[in-house]
Amino acid sequence: MPLIEIVHAPAIAPEQIDAARAAAELVGKETIVVRDAPGFATSRLGIALGLEAIRMLEEGVAAAEDIDRAMAPGYRHPMGPLRLTDLVGLDVRLDVARNLAQSYGERFTPPRLLVDKVAAGELGRKTGRGFYDWPE
């Protein structure tokens, strides 16, 4: 991943943030600085997008492939949120969503489809089935 999130906790001095940013940039990484909060920036944004994509699938708005194409070529994401969820693992996404729901409320409540797929053992690529089929 070309991005590194540098977490600025209260006990971290500004010089330490500057040093972390410089070290990351030396190895060709872009950096962002975020406050120490659940989900930081990337996980929080990624989960929000992924959960909404799952809700859209659950509501029959579009097929998984079309929802993913809306974000991949549509917004130039490297892949769509449902395929990414399959790669990360539906169980991992469910755990993160539940954790963020405890911190931020119902906007991160996992959709029933995600809960049901995890309960059925459909965890994505690692089990061969999630929102897509993953033949060996």
N, C-alpha and C. Protein backbone atom coordinates (compact mmCIF):
# COMPACT_ATOMS: atom_id res chain seq x y z
N MET A 1 0.85 -1.18 0.00
CA MET A 1 0.00 0.00 0.00
C MET A 1 0.89 1.24 0.00
N PRO A 2 0.58 2.18 -0.86
CA PRO A 2 1.45 3.35 -0.96
C PRO A 2 1.21 4.40 0.12
N LEU A 3 0.25 4.16 1.01
CA LEU A 3 -0.10 5.15 2.02
C LEU A 3 0.20 4.61 3.42
N ILE A 4 0.69 5.49 4.27
CA ILE A 4 0.90 5.16 5.67
C ILE A 4 0.14 6.18 6.51
N GLU A 5 -0.68 5.68 7.43
CA GLU A 5 -1.36 6.54 8.38
C GLU A 5 -0.46 6.69 9.60
N ILE A 6 -0.14 7.90 9.93
CA ILE A 6 0.64 8.18 11.12
C ILE A 6 -0.35 8.63 12.19
N VAL A 7 -0.39 7.89 13.28
CA VAL A 7 -1.36 8.16 14.33
C VAL A 7 -0.76 9.13 15.33
N HIS A 8 -1.44 10.26 15.51
CA HIS A 8 -0.98 11.28 16.44
C HIS A 8 -1.76 11.13 17.75
N ALA A 9 -1.18 10.37 18.64
CA ALA A 9 -1.75 10.19 19.98
C ALA A 9 -1.31 11.37 20.84
N PRO A 10 -2.04 11.64 21.92
CA PRO A 10 -1.70 12.81 22.77
C PRO A 10 -0.26 12.82 23.28
N ALA A 11 0.32 11.66 23.54
CA ALA A 11 1.67 11.62 24.11
C ALA A 11 2.78 11.76 23.05
N ILE A 12 2.42 11.87 21.79
CA ILE A 12 3.41 11.93 20.72
C ILE A 12 3.79 13.39 20.46
N ALA A 13 5.07 13.65 20.47
CA ALA A 13 5.57 15.00 20.21
C ALA A 13 5.54 15.29 18.71
N PRO A 14 5.33 16.53 18.32
CA PRO A 14 5.31 16.88 16.90
C PRO A 14 6.59 16.45 16.16
N GLU A 15 7.72 16.47 16.84
CA GLU A 15 8.97 16.06 16.20
C GLU A 15 8.93 14.57 15.81
N GLN A 16 8.25 13.78 16.63
CA GLN A 16 8.14 12.35 16.32
C GLN A 16 7.25 12.14 15.09
N ILE A 17 6.22 12.92 14.95
CA ILE A 17 5.37 12.86 13.76
C ILE A 17 6.19 13.23 12.53
N ASP A 18 6.96 14.30 12.63
CA ASP A 18 7.82 14.73 11.52
C ASP A 18 8.83 13.65 11.15
N ALA A 19 9.41 13.00 12.15
CA ALA A 19 10.39 11.94 11.89
C ALA A 19 9.73 10.74 11.22
N ALA A 20 8.54 10.37 11.67
CA ALA A 20 7.82 9.25 11.05
C ALA A 20 7.45 9.57 9.61
N ARG A 21 7.00 10.78 9.38
CA ARG A 21 6.66 11.20 8.01
C ARG A 21 7.89 11.15 7.12
N ALA A 22 9.01 11.66 7.59
CA ALA A 22 10.24 11.67 6.80
C ALA A 22 10.71 10.24 6.49
N ALA A 23 10.64 9.35 7.47
CA ALA A 23 11.05 7.95 7.25
C ALA A 23 10.15 7.28 6.21
N ALA A 24 8.86 7.53 6.29
CA ALA A 24 7.93 6.93 5.33
C ALA A 24 8.19 7.45 3.92
N GLU A 25 8.41 8.74 3.82
CA GLU A 25 8.66 9.34 2.51
C GLU A 25 9.97 8.86 1.91
N LEU A 26 10.94 8.54 2.76
CA LEU A 26 12.22 7.99 2.27
C LEU A 26 12.03 6.67 1.53
N VAL A 27 11.05 5.89 1.93
CA VAL A 27 10.79 4.62 1.26
C VAL A 27 9.64 4.73 0.26
N GLY A 28 9.33 5.96 -0.14
CA GLY A 28 8.37 6.18 -1.21
C GLY A 28 6.90 6.12 -0.83
N LYS A 29 6.61 6.29 0.42
CA LYS A 29 5.21 6.23 0.86
C LYS A 29 4.63 7.63 1.02
N GLU A 30 3.35 7.76 0.72
CA GLU A 30 2.62 8.97 1.06
C GLU A 30 2.15 8.82 2.49
N THR A 31 1.98 9.94 3.17
CA THR A 31 1.55 9.88 4.56
C THR A 31 0.36 10.78 4.81
N ILE A 32 -0.43 10.36 5.78
CA ILE A 32 -1.45 11.24 6.35
C ILE A 32 -1.30 11.14 7.86
N VAL A 33 -1.68 12.19 8.54
CA VAL A 33 -1.63 12.20 10.00
C VAL A 33 -3.07 12.21 10.50
N VAL A 34 -3.36 11.25 11.38
CA VAL A 34 -4.71 11.14 11.92
C VAL A 34 -4.65 11.10 13.43
N ARG A 35 -5.71 11.58 14.04
CA ARG A 35 -5.85 11.52 15.48
C ARG A 35 -6.11 10.07 15.88
N ASP A 36 -5.70 9.70 17.06
CA ASP A 36 -5.91 8.35 17.57
C ASP A 36 -7.41 8.17 17.87
N ALA A 37 -8.11 7.56 16.92
CA ALA A 37 -9.55 7.33 17.04
C ALA A 37 -9.86 5.99 16.39
N PRO A 38 -10.89 5.30 16.84
CA PRO A 38 -11.22 4.00 16.27
C PRO A 38 -11.37 4.05 14.75
N GLY A 39 -10.67 3.16 14.08
CA GLY A 39 -10.74 3.08 12.63
C GLY A 39 -9.81 4.01 11.89
N PHE A 40 -9.19 4.95 12.61
CA PHE A 40 -8.34 5.96 11.97
C PHE A 40 -9.06 6.53 10.75
N ALA A 41 -8.41 6.66 9.61
CA ALA A 41 -9.08 7.20 8.41
C ALA A 41 -9.38 6.10 7.41
N THR A 42 -8.38 5.30 7.06
CA THR A 42 -8.57 4.33 5.98
C THR A 42 -9.59 3.25 6.33
N SER A 43 -9.49 2.69 7.51
CA SER A 43 -10.45 1.64 7.88
C SER A 43 -11.86 2.19 8.01
N ARG A 44 -11.97 3.36 8.57
CA ARG A 44 -13.29 3.95 8.77
C ARG A 44 -13.97 4.26 7.44
N LEU A 45 -13.22 4.86 6.51
CA LEU A 45 -13.78 5.15 5.19
C LEU A 45 -14.05 3.87 4.40
N GLY A 46 -13.12 2.94 4.47
CA GLY A 46 -13.29 1.68 3.73
C GLY A 46 -14.49 0.88 4.20
N ILE A 47 -14.67 0.82 5.51
CA ILE A 47 -15.82 0.09 6.06
C ILE A 47 -17.12 0.78 5.68
N ALA A 48 -17.16 2.10 5.75
CA ALA A 48 -18.39 2.83 5.39
C ALA A 48 -18.79 2.53 3.95
N LEU A 49 -17.84 2.56 3.05
CA LEU A 49 -18.11 2.27 1.64
C LEU A 49 -18.52 0.81 1.47
N GLY A 50 -17.79 -0.10 2.11
CA GLY A 50 -18.11 -1.52 1.99
C GLY A 50 -19.48 -1.86 2.54
N LEU A 51 -19.84 -1.31 3.69
CA LEU A 51 -21.15 -1.59 4.27
C LEU A 51 -22.28 -1.07 3.39
N GLU A 52 -22.09 0.10 2.79
CA GLU A 52 -23.13 0.63 1.91
C GLU A 52 -23.25 -0.23 0.65
N ALA A 53 -22.13 -0.73 0.13
CA ALA A 53 -22.19 -1.62 -1.03
C ALA A 53 -22.95 -2.90 -0.69
N ILE A 54 -22.73 -3.44 0.50
CA ILE A 54 -23.44 -4.64 0.94
C ILE A 54 -24.93 -4.34 1.09
N ARG A 55 -25.26 -3.19 1.64
CA ARG A 55 -26.69 -2.81 1.76
C ARG A 55 -27.33 -2.69 0.39
N MET A 56 -26.61 -2.12 -0.57
CA MET A 56 -27.14 -2.00 -1.93
C MET A 56 -27.41 -3.36 -2.54
N LEU A 57 -26.49 -4.30 -2.33
CA LEU A 57 -26.68 -5.66 -2.82
C LEU A 57 -27.88 -6.31 -2.14
N GLU A 58 -27.97 -6.14 -0.84
CA GLU A 58 -29.06 -6.68 -0.04
C GLU A 58 -30.42 -6.15 -0.52
N GLU A 59 -30.46 -4.88 -0.91
CA GLU A 59 -31.70 -4.24 -1.36
C GLU A 59 -32.01 -4.50 -2.83
N GLY A 60 -31.10 -5.18 -3.53
CA GLY A 60 -31.32 -5.48 -4.94
C GLY A 60 -31.09 -4.29 -5.87
N VAL A 61 -30.33 -3.30 -5.42
CA VAL A 61 -30.06 -2.13 -6.25
C VAL A 61 -29.33 -2.53 -7.52
N ALA A 62 -28.37 -3.42 -7.39
CA ALA A 62 -27.58 -3.88 -8.54
C ALA A 62 -26.86 -5.16 -8.14
N ALA A 63 -26.34 -5.86 -9.14
CA ALA A 63 -25.54 -7.07 -8.90
C ALA A 63 -24.19 -6.67 -8.31
N ALA A 64 -23.55 -7.61 -7.64
CA ALA A 64 -22.24 -7.35 -7.02
C ALA A 64 -21.24 -6.79 -8.04
N GLU A 65 -21.20 -7.39 -9.21
CA GLU A 65 -20.25 -6.95 -10.24
C GLU A 65 -20.51 -5.49 -10.65
N ASP A 66 -21.79 -5.12 -10.75
CA ASP A 66 -22.10 -3.75 -11.16
C ASP A 66 -21.82 -2.74 -10.06
N ILE A 67 -22.07 -3.13 -8.82
CA ILE A 67 -21.73 -2.24 -7.70
C ILE A 67 -20.22 -2.02 -7.67
N ASP A 68 -19.46 -3.08 -7.87
CA ASP A 68 -18.01 -2.94 -7.88
C ASP A 68 -17.53 -2.10 -9.06
N ARG A 69 -18.15 -2.30 -10.22
CA ARG A 69 -17.75 -1.49 -11.39
C ARG A 69 -18.08 -0.01 -11.17
N ALA A 70 -19.10 0.28 -10.39
CA ALA A 70 -19.42 1.68 -10.10
C ALA A 70 -18.24 2.37 -9.41
N MET A 71 -17.51 1.63 -8.61
CA MET A 71 -16.39 2.23 -7.87
C MET A 71 -15.04 2.03 -8.57
N ALA A 72 -14.84 0.89 -9.23
CA ALA A 72 -13.54 0.64 -9.86
C ALA A 72 -13.35 1.57 -11.06
N PRO A 73 -13.97 1.30 -12.20
CA PRO A 73 -13.78 2.28 -13.27
C PRO A 73 -14.49 3.60 -13.00
N GLY A 74 -15.62 3.56 -12.28
CA GLY A 74 -16.39 4.77 -12.05
C GLY A 74 -15.65 5.81 -11.23
N TYR A 75 -14.98 5.39 -10.17
CA TYR A 75 -14.25 6.31 -9.29
C TYR A 75 -12.75 6.03 -9.26
N ARG A 76 -12.32 5.15 -10.15
CA ARG A 76 -10.90 4.80 -10.29
C ARG A 76 -10.33 4.12 -9.05
N HIS A 77 -11.17 3.42 -8.30
CA HIS A 77 -10.65 2.59 -7.22
C HIS A 77 -10.00 1.37 -7.85
N PRO A 78 -8.97 0.80 -7.24
CA PRO A 78 -8.31 -0.37 -7.83
C PRO A 78 -9.24 -1.57 -7.95
N MET A 79 -10.23 -1.65 -7.08
CA MET A 79 -11.25 -2.70 -7.15
C MET A 79 -12.47 -2.21 -6.40
N GLY A 80 -13.58 -2.89 -6.61
CA GLY A 80 -14.80 -2.49 -5.94
C GLY A 80 -14.85 -2.94 -4.49
N PRO A 81 -15.76 -2.37 -3.72
CA PRO A 81 -15.82 -2.65 -2.28
C PRO A 81 -16.25 -4.08 -1.94
N LEU A 82 -17.02 -4.74 -2.79
CA LEU A 82 -17.43 -6.12 -2.50
C LEU A 82 -16.28 -7.09 -2.76
N ARG A 83 -15.57 -6.89 -3.86
CA ARG A 83 -14.39 -7.73 -4.14
C ARG A 83 -13.34 -7.52 -3.05
N LEU A 84 -13.14 -6.28 -2.64
CA LEU A 84 -12.18 -6.00 -1.58
C LEU A 84 -12.60 -6.69 -0.28
N THR A 85 -13.89 -6.67 0.03
CA THR A 85 -14.37 -7.35 1.23
C THR A 85 -14.09 -8.84 1.14
N ASP A 86 -14.26 -9.43 -0.04
CA ASP A 86 -13.93 -10.85 -0.21
C ASP A 86 -12.45 -11.11 0.04
N LEU A 87 -11.59 -10.19 -0.39
CA LEU A 87 -10.15 -10.38 -0.20
C LEU A 87 -9.74 -10.19 1.25
N VAL A 88 -10.32 -9.20 1.90
CA VAL A 88 -10.01 -8.93 3.31
C VAL A 88 -10.57 -10.04 4.19
N GLY A 89 -11.75 -10.49 3.85
CA GLY A 89 -12.45 -11.51 4.64
C GLY A 89 -13.72 -10.91 5.22
N LEU A 90 -14.84 -11.55 4.94
CA LEU A 90 -16.11 -11.03 5.45
C LEU A 90 -16.13 -11.03 6.97
N ASP A 91 -15.49 -12.02 7.58
CA ASP A 91 -15.43 -12.07 9.04
C ASP A 91 -14.64 -10.91 9.61
N VAL A 92 -13.56 -10.52 8.93
CA VAL A 92 -12.76 -9.38 9.37
C VAL A 92 -13.58 -8.10 9.26
N ARG A 93 -14.25 -7.93 8.13
CA ARG A 93 -15.09 -6.73 7.93
C ARG A 93 -16.20 -6.67 8.98
N LEU A 94 -16.78 -7.82 9.28
CA LEU A 94 -17.85 -7.85 10.28
C LEU A 94 -17.32 -7.43 11.65
N ASP A 95 -16.17 -7.95 12.04
CA ASP A 95 -15.58 -7.57 13.33
C ASP A 95 -15.26 -6.08 13.40
N VAL A 96 -14.70 -5.55 12.32
CA VAL A 96 -14.37 -4.12 12.30
C VAL A 96 -15.64 -3.28 12.37
N ALA A 97 -16.66 -3.67 11.61
CA ALA A 97 -17.92 -2.93 11.62
C ALA A 97 -18.54 -2.93 13.02
N ARG A 98 -18.53 -4.08 13.66
CA ARG A 98 -19.10 -4.15 15.02
C ARG A 98 -18.32 -3.26 15.98
N ASN A 99 -17.01 -3.25 15.85
CA ASN A 99 -16.19 -2.41 16.71
C ASN A 99 -16.48 -0.93 16.47
N LEU A 100 -16.57 -0.54 15.21
CA LEU A 100 -16.86 0.85 14.90
C LEU A 100 -18.28 1.22 15.31
N ALA A 101 -19.21 0.30 15.23
CA ALA A 101 -20.59 0.57 15.67
C ALA A 101 -20.63 0.87 17.17
N GLN A 102 -19.76 0.21 17.94
CA GLN A 102 -19.70 0.49 19.38
C GLN A 102 -19.21 1.91 19.63
N SER A 103 -18.31 2.38 18.77
CA SER A 103 -17.74 3.72 18.94
C SER A 103 -18.59 4.82 18.34
N TYR A 104 -19.19 4.55 17.17
CA TYR A 104 -19.85 5.61 16.40
C TYR A 104 -21.34 5.42 16.18
N GLY A 105 -21.88 4.32 16.63
CA GLY A 105 -23.33 4.15 16.52
C GLY A 105 -23.77 3.39 15.29
N GLU A 106 -25.06 3.51 15.04
CA GLU A 106 -25.73 2.64 14.08
C GLU A 106 -25.26 2.80 12.64
N ARG A 107 -24.61 3.90 12.28
CA ARG A 107 -24.16 4.03 10.89
C ARG A 107 -23.17 2.94 10.50
N PHE A 108 -22.55 2.29 11.48
CA PHE A 108 -21.63 1.19 11.20
C PHE A 108 -22.23 -0.18 11.55
N THR A 109 -23.53 -0.22 11.82
CA THR A 109 -24.18 -1.50 12.10
C THR A 109 -24.06 -2.39 10.87
N PRO A 110 -23.58 -3.62 11.04
CA PRO A 110 -23.40 -4.50 9.89
C PRO A 110 -24.74 -4.88 9.26
N PRO A 111 -24.81 -4.88 7.92
CA PRO A 111 -26.02 -5.33 7.25
C PRO A 111 -26.28 -6.82 7.52
N ARG A 112 -27.53 -7.21 7.53
CA ARG A 112 -27.93 -8.60 7.77
C ARG A 112 -27.23 -9.55 6.79
N LEU A 113 -27.09 -9.14 5.53
CA LEU A 113 -26.44 -10.01 4.53
C LEU A 113 -25.02 -10.36 4.95
N LEU A 114 -24.28 -9.42 5.49
CA LEU A 114 -22.91 -9.68 5.95
C LEU A 114 -22.93 -10.65 7.13
N VAL A 115 -23.80 -10.40 8.08
CA VAL A 115 -23.91 -11.28 9.26
C VAL A 115 -24.27 -12.69 8.83
N ASP A 116 -25.23 -12.82 7.91
CA ASP A 116 -25.68 -14.14 7.46
C ASP A 116 -24.59 -14.88 6.69
N LYS A 117 -23.86 -14.17 5.84
CA LYS A 117 -22.79 -14.83 5.07
C LYS A 117 -21.69 -15.34 6.01
N VAL A 118 -21.33 -14.56 6.98
CA VAL A 118 -20.31 -15.01 7.94
C VAL A 118 -20.82 -16.22 8.71
N ALA A 119 -22.06 -16.18 9.16
CA ALA A 119 -22.64 -17.31 9.89
C ALA A 119 -22.67 -18.58 9.04
N ALA A 120 -22.82 -18.41 7.72
CA ALA A 120 -22.86 -19.55 6.80
C ALA A 120 -21.45 -20.02 6.40
N GLY A 121 -20.42 -19.35 6.91
CA GLY A 121 -19.04 -19.72 6.57
C GLY A 121 -18.56 -19.17 5.25
N GLU A 122 -19.31 -18.24 4.66
CA GLU A 122 -18.90 -17.61 3.40
C GLU A 122 -18.05 -16.39 3.75
N LEU A 123 -16.76 -16.60 3.83
CA LEU A 123 -15.85 -15.57 4.32
C LEU A 123 -15.05 -14.90 3.23
N GLY A 124 -15.34 -15.22 1.98
CA GLY A 124 -14.60 -14.62 0.87
C GLY A 124 -13.60 -15.57 0.28
N ARG A 125 -12.52 -15.02 -0.25
CA ARG A 125 -11.52 -15.82 -0.95
C ARG A 125 -10.99 -16.97 -0.11
N LYS A 126 -10.81 -16.75 1.19
CA LYS A 126 -10.19 -17.80 2.03
C LYS A 126 -11.06 -19.04 2.17
N THR A 127 -12.36 -18.92 1.92
CA THR A 127 -13.25 -20.10 1.98
C THR A 127 -13.78 -20.47 0.60
N GLY A 128 -13.45 -19.68 -0.42
CA GLY A 128 -13.89 -19.97 -1.78
C GLY A 128 -15.22 -19.32 -2.15
N ARG A 129 -15.88 -18.69 -1.18
CA ARG A 129 -17.17 -18.06 -1.47
C ARG A 129 -17.39 -16.89 -0.52
N GLY A 130 -17.86 -15.80 -1.09
CA GLY A 130 -18.24 -14.61 -0.34
C GLY A 130 -19.29 -13.89 -1.18
N PHE A 131 -18.96 -12.72 -1.64
CA PHE A 131 -19.83 -12.04 -2.61
C PHE A 131 -19.54 -12.56 -4.01
N TYR A 132 -18.40 -13.21 -4.17
CA TYR A 132 -18.00 -13.85 -5.41
C TYR A 132 -17.60 -15.29 -5.10
N ASP A 133 -17.56 -16.12 -6.13
CA ASP A 133 -17.00 -17.45 -6.00
C ASP A 133 -15.51 -17.36 -6.34
N TRP A 134 -14.70 -18.05 -5.54
CA TRP A 134 -13.25 -18.04 -5.70
C TRP A 134 -12.76 -19.47 -5.90
N PRO A 135 -12.78 -19.95 -7.15
CA PRO A 135 -12.29 -21.31 -7.39
C PRO A 135 -10.80 -21.40 -7.07
N GLU A 136 -10.39 -22.60 -6.67
CA GLU A 136 -8.98 -22.78 -6.27
C GLU A 136 -8.04 -22.54 -7.40
